[in-house]
N, C-alpha and C. Protein backbone atom coordinates (compact mmCIF):
# COMPACT_ATOMS: atom_id res chain seq x y z
N MET A 1 30.04 42.84 -36.93
CA MET A 1 29.29 42.63 -35.71
C MET A 1 28.82 41.18 -35.55
N ASN A 2 29.55 40.26 -36.08
CA ASN A 2 29.09 38.88 -35.96
C ASN A 2 30.23 37.97 -35.52
N GLY A 3 29.86 36.75 -35.19
CA GLY A 3 30.84 35.75 -34.80
C GLY A 3 31.32 34.98 -36.00
N ALA A 4 32.22 34.04 -35.79
CA ALA A 4 32.79 33.26 -36.87
C ALA A 4 31.80 32.23 -37.41
N GLU A 5 30.73 31.94 -36.69
CA GLU A 5 29.79 30.88 -37.08
C GLU A 5 28.74 31.34 -38.10
N TYR A 6 28.66 32.62 -38.34
CA TYR A 6 27.68 33.13 -39.30
C TYR A 6 28.20 34.40 -39.96
N LYS A 7 27.61 34.72 -41.09
CA LYS A 7 27.93 35.98 -41.76
C LYS A 7 26.66 36.81 -41.82
N THR A 8 26.79 38.08 -42.07
CA THR A 8 25.63 38.96 -42.14
C THR A 8 25.41 39.41 -43.58
N VAL A 9 24.13 39.58 -43.91
CA VAL A 9 23.71 40.05 -45.22
C VAL A 9 22.86 41.29 -44.98
N PRO A 10 23.25 42.44 -45.55
CA PRO A 10 22.45 43.64 -45.35
C PRO A 10 21.01 43.44 -45.84
N THR A 11 20.06 44.02 -45.12
CA THR A 11 18.67 43.95 -45.52
C THR A 11 18.03 45.32 -45.29
N SER A 12 16.78 45.44 -45.65
CA SER A 12 16.07 46.71 -45.50
C SER A 12 15.37 46.79 -44.16
N ALA A 13 15.03 48.00 -43.77
CA ALA A 13 14.27 48.21 -42.54
C ALA A 13 12.92 47.51 -42.62
N GLU A 14 12.32 47.49 -43.80
CA GLU A 14 11.01 46.87 -43.97
C GLU A 14 11.06 45.36 -43.75
N VAL A 15 12.04 44.69 -44.35
CA VAL A 15 12.19 43.24 -44.18
C VAL A 15 12.44 42.92 -42.71
N TRP A 16 13.35 43.64 -42.09
CA TRP A 16 13.71 43.42 -40.69
C TRP A 16 12.48 43.61 -39.79
N ALA A 17 11.71 44.68 -40.04
CA ALA A 17 10.54 44.97 -39.21
C ALA A 17 9.46 43.90 -39.35
N VAL A 18 9.26 43.38 -40.55
CA VAL A 18 8.25 42.34 -40.75
C VAL A 18 8.64 41.07 -40.00
N ILE A 19 9.89 40.65 -40.12
CA ILE A 19 10.34 39.45 -39.41
C ILE A 19 10.18 39.66 -37.90
N HIS A 20 10.60 40.80 -37.41
CA HIS A 20 10.52 41.09 -35.98
C HIS A 20 9.07 41.09 -35.49
N SER A 21 8.17 41.66 -36.26
CA SER A 21 6.76 41.75 -35.84
C SER A 21 6.03 40.41 -35.96
N ARG A 22 6.40 39.59 -36.93
CA ARG A 22 5.73 38.30 -37.14
C ARG A 22 6.23 37.20 -36.23
N HIS A 23 7.34 37.46 -35.55
CA HIS A 23 7.94 36.43 -34.68
C HIS A 23 8.20 37.00 -33.28
N PRO A 24 7.14 37.16 -32.48
CA PRO A 24 7.32 37.70 -31.13
C PRO A 24 8.14 36.78 -30.22
N GLU A 25 8.36 35.55 -30.66
CA GLU A 25 9.15 34.61 -29.86
C GLU A 25 10.66 34.87 -29.98
N LEU A 26 11.07 35.77 -30.86
CA LEU A 26 12.49 36.10 -30.98
C LEU A 26 13.01 36.68 -29.67
N LYS A 27 14.22 36.27 -29.31
CA LYS A 27 14.85 36.73 -28.07
C LYS A 27 16.14 37.48 -28.41
N VAL A 28 16.56 38.35 -27.53
CA VAL A 28 17.81 39.07 -27.70
C VAL A 28 18.97 38.11 -27.48
N PHE A 29 19.84 38.01 -28.48
CA PHE A 29 21.05 37.19 -28.37
C PHE A 29 22.19 38.01 -27.77
N ALA A 30 22.32 39.24 -28.22
CA ALA A 30 23.38 40.13 -27.74
C ALA A 30 22.93 41.57 -27.92
N SER A 31 23.49 42.45 -27.10
CA SER A 31 23.21 43.87 -27.27
C SER A 31 24.40 44.68 -26.77
N TYR A 32 24.53 45.85 -27.33
CA TYR A 32 25.56 46.79 -26.93
C TYR A 32 24.96 48.17 -27.01
N SER A 33 25.11 48.93 -25.94
CA SER A 33 24.53 50.27 -25.87
C SER A 33 25.60 51.25 -25.40
N ALA A 34 25.84 52.26 -26.19
CA ALA A 34 26.79 53.32 -25.82
C ALA A 34 26.20 54.67 -26.23
N PRO A 35 25.15 55.11 -25.54
CA PRO A 35 24.48 56.35 -25.93
C PRO A 35 25.32 57.61 -25.74
N ASP A 36 26.36 57.55 -24.91
CA ASP A 36 27.20 58.71 -24.66
C ASP A 36 28.54 58.65 -25.39
N GLY A 37 28.67 57.72 -26.34
CA GLY A 37 29.89 57.61 -27.12
C GLY A 37 30.41 56.19 -27.11
N ASP A 38 30.83 55.73 -28.26
CA ASP A 38 31.29 54.36 -28.42
C ASP A 38 32.73 54.23 -27.96
N GLU A 39 32.95 53.57 -26.84
CA GLU A 39 34.30 53.43 -26.30
C GLU A 39 35.20 52.57 -27.16
N PHE A 40 34.63 51.79 -28.09
CA PHE A 40 35.42 50.93 -28.98
C PHE A 40 35.59 51.56 -30.36
N GLY A 41 35.07 52.73 -30.54
CA GLY A 41 35.13 53.39 -31.84
C GLY A 41 35.16 54.90 -31.67
N ASN A 42 34.22 55.57 -32.27
CA ASN A 42 34.14 57.01 -32.24
C ASN A 42 33.45 57.47 -30.95
N ARG A 43 34.17 58.17 -30.09
CA ARG A 43 33.60 58.61 -28.82
C ARG A 43 32.60 59.74 -29.01
N ASP A 44 32.55 60.35 -30.19
CA ASP A 44 31.58 61.39 -30.48
C ASP A 44 30.37 60.83 -31.23
N GLN A 45 30.25 59.50 -31.21
CA GLN A 45 29.13 58.86 -31.89
C GLN A 45 28.51 57.82 -30.94
N GLY A 46 27.20 57.95 -30.74
CA GLY A 46 26.47 56.97 -29.95
C GLY A 46 26.13 55.77 -30.81
N VAL A 47 25.93 54.63 -30.15
CA VAL A 47 25.60 53.41 -30.89
C VAL A 47 24.72 52.50 -30.03
N MET A 48 23.80 51.84 -30.70
CA MET A 48 22.96 50.80 -30.09
C MET A 48 22.97 49.63 -31.07
N PHE A 49 23.29 48.43 -30.57
CA PHE A 49 23.33 47.24 -31.41
C PHE A 49 22.56 46.13 -30.71
N THR A 50 21.75 45.39 -31.47
CA THR A 50 21.03 44.25 -30.91
C THR A 50 20.94 43.15 -31.95
N SER A 51 21.15 41.91 -31.50
CA SER A 51 20.91 40.75 -32.36
C SER A 51 19.80 39.91 -31.75
N TYR A 52 18.99 39.31 -32.62
CA TYR A 52 17.83 38.52 -32.20
C TYR A 52 17.89 37.13 -32.80
N GLY A 53 17.35 36.16 -32.05
CA GLY A 53 17.26 34.80 -32.56
C GLY A 53 16.19 34.03 -31.81
N PHE A 54 16.01 32.80 -32.23
CA PHE A 54 15.04 31.93 -31.57
C PHE A 54 15.68 31.29 -30.34
N LEU A 55 14.91 31.08 -29.31
CA LEU A 55 15.41 30.55 -28.06
C LEU A 55 16.17 29.24 -28.25
N GLU A 56 15.66 28.37 -29.11
CA GLU A 56 16.31 27.08 -29.33
C GLU A 56 17.42 27.15 -30.38
N GLY A 57 17.66 28.30 -30.96
CA GLY A 57 18.68 28.45 -31.99
C GLY A 57 20.08 28.64 -31.41
N ASP A 58 21.07 28.30 -32.22
CA ASP A 58 22.46 28.45 -31.82
C ASP A 58 23.02 29.83 -32.17
N TYR A 59 22.41 30.49 -33.16
CA TYR A 59 22.91 31.77 -33.65
C TYR A 59 21.74 32.73 -33.82
N PRO A 60 22.03 34.02 -33.84
CA PRO A 60 20.97 34.98 -34.13
C PRO A 60 20.54 34.86 -35.59
N ILE A 61 19.35 35.37 -35.89
CA ILE A 61 18.90 35.37 -37.28
C ILE A 61 18.91 36.77 -37.88
N MET A 62 19.00 37.81 -37.00
CA MET A 62 19.03 39.17 -37.51
C MET A 62 19.67 40.10 -36.51
N GLU A 63 20.21 41.20 -37.04
CA GLU A 63 20.89 42.19 -36.21
C GLU A 63 20.50 43.59 -36.68
N ALA A 64 20.59 44.55 -35.77
CA ALA A 64 20.32 45.94 -36.11
C ALA A 64 21.28 46.84 -35.34
N ARG A 65 21.67 47.94 -35.98
CA ARG A 65 22.52 48.92 -35.33
C ARG A 65 22.04 50.32 -35.68
N THR A 66 21.98 51.17 -34.68
CA THR A 66 21.69 52.58 -34.86
C THR A 66 22.87 53.37 -34.34
N MET A 67 23.31 54.34 -35.13
CA MET A 67 24.42 55.21 -34.74
C MET A 67 23.98 56.66 -34.93
N TRP A 68 24.54 57.56 -34.12
CA TRP A 68 24.23 58.97 -34.23
C TRP A 68 25.41 59.79 -33.71
N ASP A 69 25.50 61.00 -34.21
CA ASP A 69 26.51 61.93 -33.73
C ASP A 69 26.01 62.57 -32.45
N ILE A 70 26.91 62.79 -31.51
CA ILE A 70 26.56 63.41 -30.23
C ILE A 70 27.00 64.87 -30.27
N ASP A 71 26.05 65.76 -30.02
CA ASP A 71 26.35 67.19 -29.93
C ASP A 71 26.64 67.49 -28.45
N ARG A 72 27.89 67.47 -28.08
CA ARG A 72 28.28 67.66 -26.68
C ARG A 72 28.08 69.10 -26.21
N GLU A 73 27.92 70.02 -27.14
CA GLU A 73 27.70 71.42 -26.78
C GLU A 73 26.24 71.67 -26.39
N SER A 74 25.35 70.83 -26.85
CA SER A 74 23.92 70.99 -26.60
C SER A 74 23.55 70.44 -25.23
N GLN A 75 22.77 71.17 -24.48
CA GLN A 75 22.28 70.70 -23.18
C GLN A 75 21.33 69.51 -23.36
N ALA A 76 20.61 69.48 -24.48
CA ALA A 76 19.61 68.43 -24.73
C ALA A 76 20.25 67.12 -25.18
N ARG A 77 21.55 67.16 -25.53
CA ARG A 77 22.23 65.95 -26.04
C ARG A 77 21.44 65.30 -27.17
N GLU A 78 21.05 66.12 -28.13
CA GLU A 78 20.25 65.63 -29.25
C GLU A 78 21.03 64.66 -30.11
N LYS A 79 20.29 63.69 -30.67
CA LYS A 79 20.88 62.76 -31.64
C LYS A 79 20.90 63.45 -32.99
N LYS A 80 22.07 63.53 -33.59
CA LYS A 80 22.23 64.16 -34.90
C LYS A 80 22.67 63.11 -35.91
N GLU A 81 22.17 63.25 -37.13
CA GLU A 81 22.59 62.35 -38.22
C GLU A 81 22.40 60.88 -37.86
N GLU A 82 21.22 60.53 -37.37
CA GLU A 82 20.94 59.15 -36.99
C GLU A 82 20.96 58.24 -38.22
N LYS A 83 21.62 57.08 -38.08
CA LYS A 83 21.74 56.13 -39.18
C LYS A 83 21.38 54.73 -38.67
N HIS A 84 20.56 54.02 -39.42
CA HIS A 84 20.12 52.67 -39.04
C HIS A 84 20.65 51.66 -40.06
N GLU A 85 21.09 50.51 -39.54
CA GLU A 85 21.55 49.42 -40.40
C GLU A 85 20.91 48.12 -39.93
N TYR A 86 20.58 47.26 -40.89
CA TYR A 86 19.89 46.00 -40.58
C TYR A 86 20.55 44.86 -41.35
N TRP A 87 20.65 43.68 -40.69
CA TRP A 87 21.23 42.51 -41.33
C TRP A 87 20.43 41.26 -41.02
N LEU A 88 20.47 40.32 -41.94
CA LEU A 88 20.04 38.94 -41.69
C LEU A 88 21.30 38.14 -41.44
N CYS A 89 21.22 37.14 -40.59
CA CYS A 89 22.38 36.31 -40.25
C CYS A 89 22.27 34.96 -40.94
N VAL A 90 23.34 34.56 -41.60
CA VAL A 90 23.37 33.33 -42.37
C VAL A 90 24.47 32.42 -41.81
N PRO A 91 24.14 31.20 -41.38
CA PRO A 91 25.17 30.30 -40.85
C PRO A 91 26.24 30.00 -41.90
N ILE A 92 27.46 29.81 -41.44
CA ILE A 92 28.57 29.42 -42.32
C ILE A 92 28.70 27.89 -42.23
N LYS A 93 28.70 27.26 -43.38
CA LYS A 93 28.81 25.81 -43.43
C LYS A 93 30.18 25.36 -42.93
N ASP A 94 30.19 24.35 -42.08
CA ASP A 94 31.43 23.80 -41.58
C ASP A 94 32.17 23.13 -42.72
N GLU A 95 33.45 23.45 -42.89
CA GLU A 95 34.25 22.90 -43.98
C GLU A 95 34.34 21.39 -43.95
N GLY A 96 34.13 20.77 -42.77
CA GLY A 96 34.21 19.33 -42.65
C GLY A 96 32.96 18.60 -43.11
N GLU A 97 31.92 19.35 -43.46
CA GLU A 97 30.66 18.70 -43.88
C GLU A 97 30.65 18.40 -45.36
């Protein structure tokens, strides 16, 4: 879920939440929402993805993704087996430097 300019490092929900809460100036860099099924992957799985960074930054500093199974038989469209993933974003050094 990242560009060529940075790599992601998995982190915990706690670390991600502290950074997010301590830095209200973080802005959304990118987001993807497919609550009725991921058209680029599993159509029976919903997904929400968001990356955050500083306004003056070139790259995001953190990303989060939530995925869940969609029960199409249920009228309530309940989220089943919800899974959360969190990453910190680390810039990749330019080989010419």
